[in-house]
Protein backbone atom coordinates (compact mmCIF):
# COMPACT_ATOMS: atom_id res chain seq x y z
CA UNK A 1 312.55 191.86 77.69
CA UNK A 2 311.02 189.57 80.27
CA UNK A 3 312.78 186.21 80.57
CA UNK A 4 309.57 184.24 79.92
CA UNK A 5 308.85 186.18 76.74
CA UNK A 6 312.46 185.82 75.60
CA UNK A 7 312.35 182.05 76.11
CA UNK A 8 309.06 181.83 74.21
CA UNK A 9 310.58 183.70 71.27
CA UNK A 10 313.67 181.49 71.38
CA UNK A 11 311.49 178.36 71.31
CA UNK A 12 309.49 179.73 68.39
CA UNK A 13 312.66 180.37 66.36
CA UNK A 14 314.23 177.06 67.35
CA UNK A 15 311.16 175.25 66.01
CA UNK A 16 311.98 176.57 62.52
CA UNK A 17 315.74 175.90 62.45
CA UNK A 18 317.66 173.08 60.77
CA UNK A 19 319.25 170.39 62.94
CA UNK A 20 322.78 171.83 62.58
CA UNK A 21 321.72 175.21 63.95
CA UNK A 22 320.01 173.49 66.88
CA UNK A 23 323.25 171.61 67.61
CA UNK A 24 325.17 174.88 67.50
CA UNK A 25 322.60 176.52 69.78
CA UNK A 26 322.89 173.65 72.25
CA UNK A 27 326.68 173.92 72.28
CA UNK A 28 326.44 177.63 73.15
CA UNK A 29 324.29 176.85 76.19
CA UNK A 30 327.33 175.15 77.73
CA UNK A 31 329.56 178.25 77.35
CA UNK A 32 327.18 179.84 78.70
CA UNK A 33 325.89 182.63 76.50
CA UNK A 34 323.05 184.81 77.72
CA UNK A 35 319.59 184.02 76.38
CA UNK A 36 319.49 187.49 74.86
CA UNK A 37 322.65 186.76 72.86
CA UNK A 38 321.33 183.39 71.75
CA UNK A 39 318.05 185.01 70.72
CA UNK A 40 319.93 187.55 68.61
CA UNK A 41 321.89 184.72 66.97
CA UNK A 42 318.66 182.91 66.13
CA UNK A 43 317.15 186.07 64.66
CA UNK A 44 320.18 186.47 62.39
CA UNK A 45 319.99 182.80 61.32
CA UNK A 46 316.30 183.32 60.59
CA UNK A 47 317.07 186.36 58.43
CA UNK A 48 319.82 184.49 56.56
CA UNK A 49 317.84 181.31 55.97
CA UNK A 50 314.79 183.25 54.80
CA UNK A 51 317.05 184.96 52.28
CA UNK A 52 318.39 181.55 51.19
CA UNK A 53 314.81 180.39 50.58
CA UNK A 54 313.75 183.59 48.78
CA UNK A 55 316.86 183.72 46.59
CA UNK A 56 316.27 180.24 45.19
CA UNK A 57 319.61 178.87 46.37
CA UNK A 58 317.74 175.87 47.74
CA UNK A 59 314.69 173.90 46.69
CA UNK A 60 313.62 173.57 50.33
CA UNK A 61 310.29 175.10 51.24
CA UNK A 62 311.01 175.61 54.97
CA UNK A 63 314.09 176.71 56.87
CA UNK A 64 314.31 173.42 58.79
CA UNK A 65 314.56 171.55 55.47
CA UNK A 66 317.67 173.40 54.24
CA UNK A 67 320.43 170.80 54.11
CA UNK A 68 323.92 171.60 55.31
CA UNK A 69 325.15 170.86 51.78
CA UNK A 70 323.43 174.05 50.57
CA UNK A 71 325.68 176.10 52.87
CA UNK A 72 328.73 174.06 51.92
CA UNK A 73 328.14 174.78 48.24
CA UNK A 74 327.28 178.48 48.45
CA UNK A 75 329.53 180.62 46.31
CA UNK A 76 331.37 183.78 47.25
CA UNK A 77 328.95 185.61 44.96
CA UNK A 78 325.98 184.23 46.95
CA UNK A 79 327.46 185.47 50.23
CA UNK A 80 328.29 188.87 48.77
CA UNK A 81 324.69 189.20 47.61
CA UNK A 82 323.45 188.51 51.14
CA UNK A 83 325.89 191.00 52.63
CA UNK A 84 324.82 193.69 50.16
CA UNK A 85 321.18 193.13 51.04
CA UNK A 86 322.00 193.46 54.75
CA UNK A 87 323.94 196.66 54.16
CA UNK A 88 321.12 198.11 52.06
CA UNK A 89 318.49 197.20 54.66
CA UNK A 90 320.51 198.75 57.46
CA UNK A 91 321.23 201.87 55.39
CA UNK A 92 317.53 202.19 54.61
CA UNK A 93 316.73 201.90 58.32
CA UNK A 94 319.29 204.60 59.11
CA UNK A 95 317.70 206.93 56.54
CA UNK A 96 314.30 206.30 58.13
CA UNK A 97 315.70 207.07 61.59
CA UNK A 98 317.22 210.32 60.35
CA UNK A 99 313.82 211.27 58.96
CA UNK A 100 312.10 210.53 62.26
CA UNK A 101 314.89 212.00 64.41
CA UNK A 102 316.51 214.82 62.39
CA UNK A 103 319.61 216.60 63.66
CA UNK A 104 319.15 219.98 65.25
CA UNK A 105 320.96 222.51 63.04
CA UNK A 106 322.55 224.41 65.92
CA UNK A 107 323.96 221.41 67.84
CA UNK A 108 324.26 218.62 65.28
CA UNK A 109 322.50 216.35 67.77
CA UNK A 110 319.44 214.29 67.03
CA UNK A 111 316.22 215.64 68.47
CA UNK A 112 313.75 213.12 69.82
CA UNK A 113 310.70 214.52 68.08
CA UNK A 114 310.61 216.59 64.93
CA UNK A 115 309.29 220.03 65.64
CA UNK A 116 306.75 221.34 63.20
CA UNK A 117 306.14 225.07 62.87
CA UNK A 118 303.05 224.49 60.70
CA UNK A 119 300.66 223.77 63.58
């Protein structure tokens, strides 16, 4: 991804994040982490905080409004629910990939394009 586009996407995600995530992000610039790594972190925070909003764990209406106290008071059951959703989403994506890129029977390898004999 072009650096300019990456930085634009980072800025867009940063604009939605709570103050404590922005502090964390800033601290990682000093390490320094690559912008690609930081972008991936922000995408994961976005996914998590959207789940927090959708699950009703908070009364906040925007990610930036989620107080740190919400995270401090999350239960083990809340976190397990998020993990299960992530696993299910990734499993679903894997199933879709296997449909798009099926294994060749003779080699066991994935073929890039399914071959149809019904043309």
